[in-house]
């Protein structure tokens, strides 16, 4: 494949070729609305990571442009993230011994490149399958937890208070104490709640106009005209110009120290991005390949690191803003990135008049789009087990951490799967007069058993945890049979796997039945399972005469071999 063919297959190029004119207005509007959040968020998370504020702009502009070309998700917004900021600070600041911001920035750039390379390798090794472990209950719990974390984190800005506590519960407690103690700044709260009302009002009564943009521009005009910059917190002005990125002063020993943190950050970045990517793609009836997503996040991190940024991931607050503003394709991210670049070059001082309270309102409204209470209620009605997984993901992410919560939920998912396979549904099959075939005796208690024949079905793979259960169940059905049993036929279609422990149980069962003059046979057993029996050395014990293509064929053969149990009997 030539480089031109490879370039033509990039998601951004494919989207550009099929772009529709009617999408343009929505994408441009969404990109401009997104800009109001990209600038302050990028600066804030850069400072939280212990880096110069302008690094957040590099980490916003460059990854967005790179992802627009290689990213499979059409509306995913990448950039600095709150879950990564403390990890970046913990990895970089101890190595920046001189305290020079440029040294810290160079180390952060190398860290981003390492994170990107790890993700690229994982993508080419097709490790993106891990997103398949993020089931609907996990995604549901995760998104509700992220919404809670974001909203709680922005409430202090909205109310003009300071919170030092860490963790959702600590922050909620401290916010409550501040409200009860009268520490809320009335002016900041008025601006924040007013901005919130404007955004919600436009969404309800005039959805064609982007309320976020109206609120941000209105707050800037109000602050500038009323001289509020000394009265309430402001985002602050951007540094003038775009300092050239540098990676000087980083040696191989520093790289070695950064590899471990880079692996952890890569895992968190992809886990976070994978959930958002799959969720938002599903909302629009699309599908995203996990390995392609992993490679795209890797490319974005490498690009950002080379151009003065730091590790990034998908944003749980900015992506909903893009979606709510009508973004249709990656062009919205490109418009946002170019608008940030233009803003920095032309009007870096405007953000000095943007109130923190207004920014908090914008983020809170965006986060509420992730809340899905109806989904949780529906999950509870459909399956208490899956609701429990969603609740575990919610509590884990909200109270412990994004990665830890997701890992706990995935672990519980595996436990649920094993538990279901450990105690699967099993039943005896009977004949009925009103429909052909053989059916569950529990659902058809008036069905007829065939004298001398026991038909059983076991709805799970046979493995170490349920082999003995299968053995004991067949023996119990044989013992309870109303007439002496001559044959046992297992309807084996649901048995999709077999391990060595289960094989031993199968041999014990066959030996027991044979000792009682009973023949064991299988109907509809899948070819790969038969092959495993042969590989396990049971080809002679269970030869071709023990297998039937259908249950009906097995019953016919039984009746042919046992004239006393013909169809008329």
Protein backbone atom coordinates (compact mmCIF):
# COMPACT_ATOMS: atom_id res chain seq x y z
CA UNK A 1 0.00 0.00 0.00
CA UNK A 2 1.42 3.38 -1.03
CA UNK A 3 1.65 6.37 1.32
CA UNK A 4 -1.14 8.06 -0.61
CA UNK A 5 -3.45 5.11 -0.07
CA UNK A 6 -2.53 5.06 3.61
CA UNK A 7 -3.22 8.78 3.91
CA UNK A 8 -6.56 8.34 2.18
CA UNK A 9 -7.66 5.83 4.82
CA UNK A 10 -7.11 8.18 7.76
CA UNK A 11 -10.43 8.90 9.51
CA UNK A 12 -10.10 12.65 9.06
CA UNK A 13 -9.49 12.31 5.33
CA UNK A 14 -12.41 9.88 4.96
CA UNK A 15 -14.68 12.33 6.78
CA UNK A 16 -13.48 15.23 4.63
CA UNK A 17 -14.25 13.30 1.44
CA UNK A 18 -17.80 12.59 2.58
CA UNK A 19 -18.39 15.96 4.21
CA UNK A 20 -21.82 17.53 3.74
CA UNK A 21 -22.35 21.24 3.33
CA UNK A 22 -25.20 21.27 5.86
CA UNK A 23 -22.77 20.18 8.59
CA UNK A 24 -20.53 23.22 8.21
CA UNK A 25 -22.53 25.73 10.22
CA UNK A 26 -23.00 23.32 13.13
CA UNK A 27 -19.31 22.37 13.21
CA UNK A 28 -18.09 25.97 13.06
CA UNK A 29 -20.55 27.05 15.76
CA UNK A 30 -19.60 24.12 17.98
CA UNK A 31 -15.89 24.89 17.50
CA UNK A 32 -16.35 28.54 18.46
CA UNK A 33 -18.44 27.63 21.51
CA UNK A 34 -15.84 25.06 22.47
CA UNK A 35 -13.14 27.74 22.36
CA UNK A 36 -14.67 29.50 25.35
CA UNK A 37 -13.91 26.39 27.40
CA UNK A 38 -10.69 25.21 25.77
CA UNK A 39 -8.62 28.25 26.72
CA UNK A 40 -9.30 28.51 30.46
CA UNK A 41 -9.48 24.74 30.93
CA UNK A 42 -6.14 24.23 29.21
CA UNK A 43 -4.48 26.93 31.27
CA UNK A 44 -5.99 25.70 34.52
CA UNK A 45 -4.98 22.07 34.09
CA UNK A 46 -1.47 23.10 33.05
CA UNK A 47 -1.07 24.98 36.31
CA UNK A 48 -2.55 22.04 38.23
CA UNK A 49 0.20 19.90 36.71
CA UNK A 50 2.83 22.36 37.92
CA UNK A 51 3.58 23.67 34.42
CA UNK A 52 3.44 27.11 32.76
CA UNK A 53 -0.09 28.11 31.75
CA UNK A 54 0.78 28.41 28.07
CA UNK A 55 1.69 24.72 28.02
CA UNK A 56 -2.02 24.04 28.34
CA UNK A 57 -2.55 25.86 25.06
CA UNK A 58 0.01 23.72 23.25
CA UNK A 59 -1.59 20.64 24.87
CA UNK A 60 -4.93 21.83 23.49
CA UNK A 61 -4.14 23.07 19.99
CA UNK A 62 -1.72 20.43 18.72
CA UNK A 63 -3.52 17.27 19.96
CA UNK A 64 -6.86 18.52 18.60
CA UNK A 65 -5.36 19.03 15.15
CA UNK A 66 -3.58 15.68 15.23
CA UNK A 67 -6.66 13.81 16.43
CA UNK A 68 -8.83 15.43 13.76
CA UNK A 69 -6.65 13.65 11.20
CA UNK A 70 -6.22 10.23 12.80
CA UNK A 71 -9.02 9.98 15.41
CA UNK A 72 -11.94 7.60 14.73
CA UNK A 73 -14.45 9.43 16.93
CA UNK A 74 -16.07 12.38 15.17
CA UNK A 75 -16.79 14.55 18.20
CA UNK A 76 -14.32 13.44 20.87
CA UNK A 77 -12.47 16.45 22.30
CA UNK A 78 -8.93 15.90 23.53
CA UNK A 79 -6.92 18.06 25.86
CA UNK A 80 -5.53 18.48 29.38
CA UNK A 81 -7.54 16.55 31.94
CA UNK A 82 -8.04 16.81 35.69
CA UNK A 83 -7.41 13.10 36.27
CA UNK A 84 -3.95 13.32 34.66
CA UNK A 85 -2.77 16.64 36.13
CA UNK A 86 -1.71 15.32 39.56
CA UNK A 87 0.04 12.32 37.98
CA UNK A 88 1.97 14.60 35.63
CA UNK A 89 3.03 16.81 38.53
CA UNK A 90 4.13 13.79 40.58
CA UNK A 91 6.23 12.48 37.67
CA UNK A 92 7.79 15.73 36.46
CA UNK A 93 8.32 18.08 39.39
CA UNK A 94 10.72 15.83 41.38
CA UNK A 95 12.99 15.66 38.31
CA UNK A 96 12.92 19.43 37.72
CA UNK A 97 15.52 20.03 40.40
CA UNK A 98 16.35 23.59 39.32
CA UNK A 99 12.75 24.73 39.64
CA UNK A 100 12.96 26.22 36.15
CA UNK A 101 9.54 26.11 34.43
CA UNK A 102 11.22 25.43 31.09
CA UNK A 103 12.89 22.34 32.52
CA UNK A 104 9.57 21.07 33.89
CA UNK A 105 7.95 21.72 30.52
CA UNK A 106 10.69 19.82 28.69
CA UNK A 107 10.23 16.84 31.02
CA UNK A 108 6.45 16.97 30.55
CA UNK A 109 6.94 16.96 26.79
CA UNK A 110 9.11 13.85 26.99
CA UNK A 111 6.52 12.27 29.28
CA UNK A 112 3.81 12.95 26.69
CA UNK A 113 5.93 11.40 23.93
CA UNK A 114 6.48 8.29 26.07
CA UNK A 115 2.77 8.05 26.83
CA UNK A 116 2.03 8.37 23.13
CA UNK A 117 4.55 5.71 22.14
CA UNK A 118 3.15 3.27 24.69
CA UNK A 119 -0.36 3.83 23.33
CA UNK A 120 0.87 3.47 19.75
CA UNK A 121 2.53 0.14 20.53
CA UNK A 122 -0.62 -1.01 22.31
CA UNK A 123 -2.71 0.00 19.32
CA UNK A 124 -0.54 -1.86 16.81
CA UNK A 125 -0.64 -4.92 19.09
CA UNK A 126 -4.46 -4.64 18.96
CA UNK A 127 -4.74 -4.14 22.70
CA UNK A 128 -7.68 -1.83 22.15
CA UNK A 129 -9.92 -4.80 22.91
CA UNK A 130 -9.84 -3.62 26.52
CA UNK A 131 -12.62 -1.20 25.58
CA UNK A 132 -14.81 -4.26 24.98
CA UNK A 133 -14.54 -4.91 28.71
CA UNK A 134 -16.25 -1.58 29.32
CA UNK A 135 -19.81 -2.89 29.26
CA UNK A 136 -22.91 -0.69 29.24
CA UNK A 137 -23.32 -0.81 33.06
CA UNK A 138 -19.69 0.27 33.51
CA UNK A 139 -20.05 3.12 31.02
CA UNK A 140 -23.32 4.20 32.64
CA UNK A 141 -21.84 4.28 36.13
CA UNK A 142 -18.64 5.92 34.91
CA UNK A 143 -20.38 8.79 33.12
CA UNK A 144 -22.67 9.54 36.06
CA UNK A 145 -19.64 9.56 38.36
CA UNK A 146 -17.67 11.85 36.06
CA UNK A 147 -20.65 14.21 35.98
CA UNK A 148 -20.73 14.28 39.78
CA UNK A 149 -16.97 14.87 40.04
CA UNK A 150 -17.04 17.70 37.51
CA UNK A 151 -20.08 19.42 39.02
CA UNK A 152 -18.74 19.23 42.58
CA UNK A 153 -15.35 20.46 41.39
CA UNK A 154 -16.91 23.53 39.73
CA UNK A 155 -19.29 24.54 42.52
CA UNK A 156 -16.60 26.50 44.43
CA UNK A 157 -15.95 28.62 41.31
CA UNK A 158 -19.68 29.14 40.84
CA UNK A 159 -20.11 30.31 44.43
CA UNK A 160 -16.85 32.20 44.80
CA UNK A 161 -15.48 30.07 47.63
CA UNK A 162 -12.23 28.22 48.22
CA UNK A 163 -12.11 24.47 48.88
CA UNK A 164 -8.95 22.63 49.96
CA UNK A 165 -10.43 19.16 50.51
CA UNK A 166 -9.62 16.29 48.18
CA UNK A 167 -12.16 13.74 47.03
CA UNK A 168 -15.84 14.19 46.24
CA UNK A 169 -17.11 13.62 49.78
CA UNK A 170 -14.56 16.01 51.30
CA UNK A 171 -15.36 18.67 48.72
CA UNK A 172 -19.11 18.33 49.26
CA UNK A 173 -18.66 18.61 53.03
CA UNK A 174 -16.47 21.68 52.75
CA UNK A 175 -18.83 23.34 50.24
CA UNK A 176 -21.74 22.70 52.58
CA UNK A 177 -19.85 24.22 55.50
CA UNK A 178 -18.99 27.28 53.42
CA UNK A 179 -22.63 27.77 52.37
CA UNK A 180 -23.96 27.35 55.93
CA UNK A 181 -21.21 29.59 57.31
CA UNK A 182 -22.04 32.41 54.94
CA UNK A 183 -18.71 32.30 53.09
CA UNK A 184 -20.30 32.45 49.64
CA UNK A 185 -19.28 35.52 47.63
CA UNK A 186 -22.62 37.14 46.67
CA UNK A 187 -21.23 38.86 43.57
CA UNK A 188 -19.45 35.76 42.25
CA UNK A 189 -22.50 33.62 42.98
CA UNK A 190 -24.75 36.12 41.17
CA UNK A 191 -22.50 36.05 38.10
CA UNK A 192 -22.19 32.26 38.19
CA UNK A 193 -25.87 31.50 38.75
CA UNK A 194 -26.81 34.18 36.23
CA UNK A 195 -24.53 32.59 33.65
CA UNK A 196 -26.08 29.23 34.46
CA UNK A 197 -29.56 30.66 33.95
CA UNK A 198 -28.57 32.19 30.60
CA UNK A 199 -27.15 28.93 29.28
CA UNK A 200 -30.12 26.85 30.41
CA UNK A 201 -32.60 29.50 29.26
CA UNK A 202 -31.25 29.63 25.73
CA UNK A 203 -31.18 25.85 25.58
CA UNK A 204 -34.84 25.61 26.57
CA UNK A 205 -36.39 28.59 24.77
CA UNK A 206 -33.93 29.46 21.99
CA UNK A 207 -31.83 26.38 21.25
CA UNK A 208 -30.69 27.71 17.89
CA UNK A 209 -28.51 30.28 19.69
CA UNK A 210 -25.49 28.88 21.61
CA UNK A 211 -26.21 29.92 25.19
CA UNK A 212 -22.66 29.10 26.29
CA UNK A 213 -21.24 31.68 23.90
CA UNK A 214 -23.82 34.28 24.97
CA UNK A 215 -23.03 33.70 28.65
CA UNK A 216 -19.25 33.89 28.16
CA UNK A 217 -19.32 37.01 25.98
CA UNK A 218 -21.90 38.65 28.24
CA UNK A 219 -19.86 37.94 31.36
CA UNK A 220 -16.70 39.37 29.75
CA UNK A 221 -18.54 42.53 28.70
CA UNK A 222 -20.11 42.87 32.15
CA UNK A 223 -16.79 42.40 33.94
CA UNK A 224 -14.99 44.88 31.73
CA UNK A 225 -17.70 47.56 31.87
CA UNK A 226 -18.48 47.22 35.59
CA UNK A 227 -14.86 46.83 36.67
CA UNK A 228 -15.34 43.47 38.40
CA UNK A 229 -11.80 42.21 37.89
CA UNK A 230 -10.77 43.22 41.42
CA UNK A 231 -13.95 41.99 43.07
CA UNK A 232 -14.27 38.36 41.92
CA UNK A 233 -11.93 35.70 40.54
CA UNK A 234 -11.00 35.91 36.89
CA UNK A 235 -9.44 33.35 34.58
CA UNK A 236 -6.57 35.74 33.84
CA UNK A 237 -4.80 36.98 30.74
CA UNK A 238 -2.81 34.68 28.49
CA UNK A 239 0.93 35.17 28.05
CA UNK A 240 1.76 37.17 24.93
CA UNK A 241 3.04 35.25 21.95
CA UNK A 242 3.79 31.57 21.58
CA UNK A 243 7.13 30.59 23.17
CA UNK A 244 8.99 27.99 21.15
CA UNK A 245 8.83 24.50 22.64
CA UNK A 246 12.02 23.02 23.99
CA UNK A 247 13.16 19.60 25.22
CA UNK A 248 16.61 20.70 26.27
CA UNK A 249 18.10 19.51 29.54
CA UNK A 250 16.46 16.06 29.51
CA UNK A 251 18.90 13.14 29.63
CA UNK A 252 18.38 9.38 29.29
CA UNK A 253 18.32 8.95 33.05
CA UNK A 254 15.30 11.24 33.20
CA UNK A 255 13.67 9.24 30.42
CA UNK A 256 14.18 6.08 32.45
CA UNK A 257 12.51 7.66 35.48
CA UNK A 258 9.56 8.73 33.34
CA UNK A 259 8.79 5.36 31.72
CA UNK A 260 6.94 3.96 34.75
CA UNK A 261 4.70 7.02 35.25
CA UNK A 262 4.16 7.14 31.48
CA UNK A 263 2.74 3.60 31.51
CA UNK A 264 0.31 4.46 34.31
CA UNK A 265 -0.78 7.68 32.62
CA UNK A 266 -1.22 5.85 29.30
CA UNK A 267 -3.51 3.32 30.96
CA UNK A 268 -5.63 5.99 32.62
CA UNK A 269 -5.73 8.17 29.48
CA UNK A 270 -6.94 5.29 27.33
CA UNK A 271 -9.38 3.93 29.90
CA UNK A 272 -10.89 7.40 30.21
CA UNK A 273 -10.88 8.06 26.47
CA UNK A 274 -12.12 4.58 25.61
CA UNK A 275 -15.25 4.96 27.73
CA UNK A 276 -16.05 8.40 26.32
CA UNK A 277 -15.30 7.37 22.75
CA UNK A 278 -17.54 4.30 22.79
CA UNK A 279 -20.32 6.11 24.65
CA UNK A 280 -20.55 9.14 22.38
CA UNK A 281 -20.13 7.02 19.26
CA UNK A 282 -23.01 4.80 20.38
CA UNK A 283 -25.19 7.88 20.92
CA UNK A 284 -24.80 8.70 17.24
CA UNK A 285 -25.25 5.16 15.97
CA UNK A 286 -21.56 4.68 15.21
CA UNK A 287 -18.85 2.26 16.27
CA UNK A 288 -15.25 2.95 17.24
CA UNK A 289 -12.44 0.42 16.99
CA UNK A 290 -10.57 0.35 20.30
CA UNK A 291 -7.12 -0.24 18.77
CA UNK A 292 -7.60 2.58 16.26
CA UNK A 293 -8.64 4.84 19.14
CA UNK A 294 -5.58 3.82 21.12
CA UNK A 295 -3.28 4.68 18.22
CA UNK A 296 -5.04 8.01 17.69
CA UNK A 297 -4.65 9.02 21.35
CA UNK A 298 -1.01 7.96 21.05
CA UNK A 299 -0.40 10.14 17.99
CA UNK A 300 -2.07 13.11 19.71
CA UNK A 301 0.16 12.71 22.77
CA UNK A 302 3.34 12.41 20.71
CA UNK A 303 2.42 15.49 18.68
CA UNK A 304 1.55 17.47 21.78
CA UNK A 305 4.75 16.43 23.55
CA UNK A 306 6.95 17.40 20.61
CA UNK A 307 5.35 20.84 20.45
CA UNK A 308 5.56 21.90 24.07
CA UNK A 309 2.55 20.13 25.56
CA UNK A 310 2.07 17.40 28.14
CA UNK A 311 0.03 14.15 28.39
CA UNK A 312 -3.63 14.51 27.45
CA UNK A 313 -6.75 12.39 27.14
CA UNK A 314 -10.38 12.79 26.13
CA UNK A 315 -12.28 15.41 28.07
CA UNK A 316 -15.43 14.50 29.98
CA UNK A 317 -16.48 18.15 30.18
CA UNK A 318 -15.50 19.56 26.77
CA UNK A 319 -16.80 16.65 24.69
CA UNK A 320 -20.38 17.16 25.93
CA UNK A 321 -20.06 20.87 25.10
CA UNK A 322 -19.13 19.96 21.52
CA UNK A 323 -22.02 17.50 21.29
CA UNK A 324 -24.58 19.90 22.76
CA UNK A 325 -23.39 22.66 20.44
CA UNK A 326 -24.18 20.49 17.44
CA UNK A 327 -20.74 19.19 16.43
CA UNK A 328 -21.02 16.71 13.57
CA UNK A 329 -17.40 15.93 12.67
CA UNK A 330 -13.75 16.45 13.61
CA UNK A 331 -13.95 19.89 12.00
CA UNK A 332 -15.42 21.25 15.25
CA UNK A 333 -12.18 20.36 17.03
CA UNK A 334 -10.11 21.91 14.24
CA UNK A 335 -12.12 25.15 14.45
CA UNK A 336 -11.67 25.17 18.21
CA UNK A 337 -7.92 24.63 17.94
CA UNK A 338 -7.48 27.33 15.30
CA UNK A 339 -9.68 29.72 17.27
CA UNK A 340 -7.53 29.18 20.37
CA UNK A 341 -4.41 29.82 18.30
CA UNK A 342 -5.89 32.99 16.80
CA UNK A 343 -7.11 34.14 20.19
CA UNK A 344 -3.64 33.75 21.71
CA UNK A 345 -2.03 35.71 18.90
CA UNK A 346 -4.63 38.48 18.58
CA UNK A 347 -6.34 38.99 21.94
CA UNK A 348 -4.47 37.28 24.78
CA UNK A 349 -5.74 39.79 27.35
CA UNK A 350 -9.47 39.14 26.92
CA UNK A 351 -9.54 36.22 29.37
CA UNK A 352 -8.51 38.66 32.10
CA UNK A 353 -12.21 39.68 32.10
CA UNK A 354 -13.69 36.17 32.09
CA UNK A 355 -15.06 35.34 35.58
CA UNK A 356 -14.20 31.99 37.09
CA UNK A 357 -17.87 31.73 38.09
CA UNK A 358 -18.99 31.86 34.46
CA UNK A 359 -16.48 29.21 33.50
CA UNK A 360 -17.81 27.06 36.33
CA UNK A 361 -21.36 27.47 35.02
CA UNK A 362 -20.29 26.42 31.52
CA UNK A 363 -18.59 23.28 32.81
CA UNK A 364 -21.50 22.37 35.12
CA UNK A 365 -24.03 22.57 32.31
CA UNK A 366 -21.77 20.48 30.09
CA UNK A 367 -21.35 17.85 32.80
CA UNK A 368 -25.09 17.47 33.33
CA UNK A 369 -25.33 16.05 29.82
CA UNK A 370 -23.52 12.98 31.17
CA UNK A 371 -26.12 12.35 33.88
CA UNK A 372 -28.46 9.47 33.06
CA UNK A 373 -30.73 8.78 36.02
CA UNK A 374 -33.33 7.17 33.77
CA UNK A 375 -30.68 4.80 32.50
CA UNK A 376 -29.83 3.74 36.04
CA UNK A 377 -33.52 3.19 36.87
CA UNK A 378 -34.01 1.21 33.66
CA UNK A 379 -30.93 -0.87 34.48
CA UNK A 380 -32.35 -1.63 37.92
CA UNK A 381 -35.61 -2.85 36.37
CA UNK A 382 -33.85 -4.94 33.73
CA UNK A 383 -31.12 -6.57 35.79
CA UNK A 384 -30.16 -6.08 39.42
CA UNK A 385 -26.75 -7.63 38.71
CA UNK A 386 -25.95 -5.14 35.97
CA UNK A 387 -27.31 -2.30 38.10
CA UNK A 388 -24.90 -3.44 40.80
CA UNK A 389 -22.03 -3.21 38.28
CA UNK A 390 -23.14 0.30 37.29
CA UNK A 391 -23.34 1.31 40.94
CA UNK A 392 -19.90 -0.18 41.61
CA UNK A 393 -18.42 1.78 38.70
CA UNK A 394 -20.13 4.95 39.93
CA UNK A 395 -18.92 4.60 43.51
CA UNK A 396 -15.44 3.48 42.50
CA UNK A 397 -14.85 6.33 40.05
CA UNK A 398 -16.46 8.96 42.29
CA UNK A 399 -14.86 7.95 45.56
CA UNK A 400 -11.60 6.21 44.64
CA UNK A 401 -10.48 7.29 41.18
CA UNK A 402 -11.18 6.90 37.48
CA UNK A 403 -8.83 4.01 36.77
CA UNK A 404 -9.44 2.23 40.07
CA UNK A 405 -13.19 2.50 39.70
CA UNK A 406 -13.17 1.17 36.15
CA UNK A 407 -10.85 -1.71 37.10
CA UNK A 408 -13.05 -2.64 40.05
CA UNK A 409 -16.15 -2.64 37.83
CA UNK A 410 -14.39 -4.74 35.17
CA UNK A 411 -13.30 -7.20 37.87
CA UNK A 412 -16.85 -7.46 39.17
CA UNK A 413 -18.07 -8.02 35.61
CA UNK A 414 -15.77 -11.02 35.32
CA UNK A 415 -16.99 -12.30 38.68
CA UNK A 416 -20.59 -12.00 37.46
CA UNK A 417 -19.76 -13.89 34.26
CA UNK A 418 -17.99 -16.66 36.18
CA UNK A 419 -20.86 -16.86 38.66
CA UNK A 420 -23.35 -17.19 35.83
CA UNK A 421 -21.29 -19.95 34.21
CA UNK A 422 -20.71 -21.59 37.60
CA UNK A 423 -24.42 -21.96 38.29
CA UNK A 424 -25.97 -21.95 34.80
CA UNK A 425 -29.48 -22.78 33.85
CA UNK A 426 -29.98 -26.53 33.33
CA UNK A 427 -33.11 -28.45 32.59
CA UNK A 428 -34.66 -31.67 31.38
CA UNK A 429 -36.27 -31.70 27.94
CA UNK A 430 -39.69 -33.22 27.18
CA UNK A 431 -42.04 -33.70 24.23
CA UNK A 432 -45.23 -31.67 23.82
CA UNK A 433 -48.30 -32.37 21.73
CA UNK A 434 -48.78 -28.82 20.45
CA UNK A 435 -45.35 -28.13 18.96
CA UNK A 436 -42.52 -30.13 17.41
CA UNK A 437 -39.15 -30.65 19.06
CA UNK A 438 -38.17 -30.99 22.70
CA UNK A 439 -38.73 -28.32 25.32
CA UNK A 440 -37.88 -27.18 28.84
CA UNK A 441 -39.88 -29.21 31.36
CA UNK A 442 -40.04 -26.17 33.67
CA UNK A 443 -41.91 -24.18 31.03
CA UNK A 444 -43.88 -27.19 29.82
CA UNK A 445 -44.63 -29.26 32.95
CA UNK A 446 -47.35 -31.20 31.12
CA UNK A 447 -44.84 -32.46 28.55
CA UNK A 448 -44.11 -36.16 28.11
CA UNK A 449 -40.86 -37.89 29.02
CA UNK A 450 -39.70 -40.69 26.72
CA UNK A 451 -39.51 -43.91 28.75
CA UNK A 452 -35.93 -45.12 29.03
CA UNK A 453 -34.45 -41.84 27.76
CA UNK A 454 -33.27 -38.79 29.66
CA UNK A 455 -32.74 -35.54 27.72
CA UNK A 456 -30.84 -32.79 29.54
CA UNK A 457 -29.54 -29.34 28.60
CA UNK A 458 -26.75 -27.40 30.35
CA UNK A 459 -26.54 -23.75 29.30
CA UNK A 460 -22.84 -22.95 29.81
CA UNK A 461 -19.33 -24.02 28.84
CA UNK A 462 -18.01 -26.89 30.93
CA UNK A 463 -15.02 -25.81 33.00
CA UNK A 464 -13.38 -26.39 36.36
CA UNK A 465 -16.05 -24.50 38.35
CA UNK A 466 -19.14 -26.28 37.01
CA UNK A 467 -17.96 -29.71 35.82
CA UNK A 468 -19.00 -31.39 39.05
CA UNK A 469 -22.32 -29.50 39.02
CA UNK A 470 -23.01 -30.91 35.55
CA UNK A 471 -22.09 -34.43 36.71
CA UNK A 472 -24.30 -34.24 39.80
CA UNK A 473 -27.21 -32.74 37.88
CA UNK A 474 -27.26 -35.54 35.28
CA UNK A 475 -27.06 -38.18 38.03
CA UNK A 476 -29.94 -36.54 39.90
CA UNK A 477 -32.17 -36.49 36.81
CA UNK A 478 -31.37 -40.15 36.15
CA UNK A 479 -32.15 -41.04 39.75
CA UNK A 480 -35.53 -39.27 39.61
CA UNK A 481 -36.57 -40.74 36.26
CA UNK A 482 -40.01 -42.46 36.50
CA UNK A 483 -38.80 -45.44 34.44
CA UNK A 484 -35.44 -47.26 34.23
CA UNK A 485 -33.02 -45.22 32.14
CA UNK A 486 -31.20 -46.73 29.16
CA UNK A 487 -29.84 -43.61 27.47
CA UNK A 488 -28.82 -40.12 28.54
CA UNK A 489 -28.62 -37.59 25.70
CA UNK A 490 -27.09 -34.17 26.40
CA UNK A 491 -28.42 -31.34 24.21
CA UNK A 492 -24.93 -29.87 23.94
CA UNK A 493 -25.39 -26.84 21.70
CA UNK A 494 -25.05 -24.35 24.62
CA UNK A 495 -21.78 -26.02 25.71
CA UNK A 496 -19.23 -23.81 23.96
CA UNK A 497 -16.10 -24.82 25.82
CA UNK A 498 -14.43 -27.63 27.72
CA UNK A 499 -11.38 -27.73 29.97
CA UNK A 500 -9.36 -30.62 31.42
CA UNK A 501 -11.11 -30.54 34.81
CA UNK A 502 -14.52 -30.79 33.15
CA UNK A 503 -13.25 -33.62 30.95
CA UNK A 504 -12.35 -35.62 34.04
CA UNK A 505 -15.87 -35.05 35.40
CA UNK A 506 -17.30 -36.13 32.04
CA UNK A 507 -15.29 -39.36 32.17
CA UNK A 508 -16.44 -40.02 35.73
CA UNK A 509 -20.06 -39.47 34.67
CA UNK A 510 -19.70 -41.81 31.68
CA UNK A 511 -18.08 -44.46 33.87
CA UNK A 512 -20.90 -44.17 36.42
CA UNK A 513 -23.61 -44.39 33.76
CA UNK A 514 -21.89 -47.26 31.99
CA UNK A 515 -21.71 -49.15 35.27
CA UNK A 516 -25.49 -48.82 35.49
CA UNK A 517 -26.06 -49.96 31.94
CA UNK A 518 -26.77 -46.46 30.63
CA UNK A 519 -25.37 -45.04 27.39
CA UNK A 520 -24.21 -41.40 27.29
CA UNK A 521 -24.59 -39.50 24.00
CA UNK A 522 -24.46 -35.90 22.80
CA UNK A 523 -26.63 -33.97 20.35
CA UNK A 524 -25.69 -30.79 18.49
CA UNK A 525 -22.25 -30.58 20.07
CA UNK A 526 -20.10 -27.98 18.34
CA UNK A 527 -17.14 -29.15 16.25
CA UNK A 528 -14.44 -27.33 18.29
CA UNK A 529 -15.70 -28.97 21.49
CA UNK A 530 -15.56 -32.40 19.82
CA UNK A 531 -12.02 -31.61 18.68
CA UNK A 532 -11.03 -30.87 22.28
CA UNK A 533 -12.38 -34.24 23.38
CA UNK A 534 -10.17 -35.89 20.78
CA UNK A 535 -7.11 -33.83 21.81
CA UNK A 536 -7.75 -34.85 25.41
CA UNK A 537 -7.50 -38.50 24.32
CA UNK A 538 -11.19 -39.40 24.51
CA UNK A 539 -11.68 -40.19 20.82
CA UNK A 540 -12.14 -43.90 21.52
CA UNK A 541 -14.39 -43.50 24.56
CA UNK A 542 -16.63 -41.02 22.73
CA UNK A 543 -16.47 -42.18 19.13
CA UNK A 544 -18.69 -40.98 16.29
CA UNK A 545 -21.60 -43.15 17.45
CA UNK A 546 -21.94 -40.98 20.55
CA UNK A 547 -22.73 -37.79 18.62
CA UNK A 548 -25.86 -36.75 16.77
CA UNK A 549 -26.48 -33.68 14.60
CA UNK A 550 -29.81 -32.94 16.31
CA UNK A 551 -31.75 -33.99 19.39
CA UNK A 552 -34.41 -35.41 17.08
CA UNK A 553 -31.80 -37.65 15.42
CA UNK A 554 -30.65 -38.95 18.81
CA UNK A 555 -34.23 -39.70 19.88
CA UNK A 556 -34.95 -41.48 16.59
CA UNK A 557 -31.86 -43.66 16.99
CA UNK A 558 -32.85 -44.47 20.59
CA UNK A 559 -36.31 -45.54 19.46
CA UNK A 560 -34.87 -47.58 16.60
CA UNK A 561 -32.53 -49.41 18.96
CA UNK A 562 -35.19 -49.85 21.63
CA UNK A 563 -38.32 -51.18 19.92
CA UNK A 564 -40.18 -51.20 23.22
CA UNK A 565 -39.95 -47.38 23.24
CA UNK A 566 -41.18 -46.63 19.74
CA UNK A 567 -43.05 -43.47 18.87
CA UNK A 568 -46.36 -45.25 19.46
CA UNK A 569 -45.47 -46.15 23.00
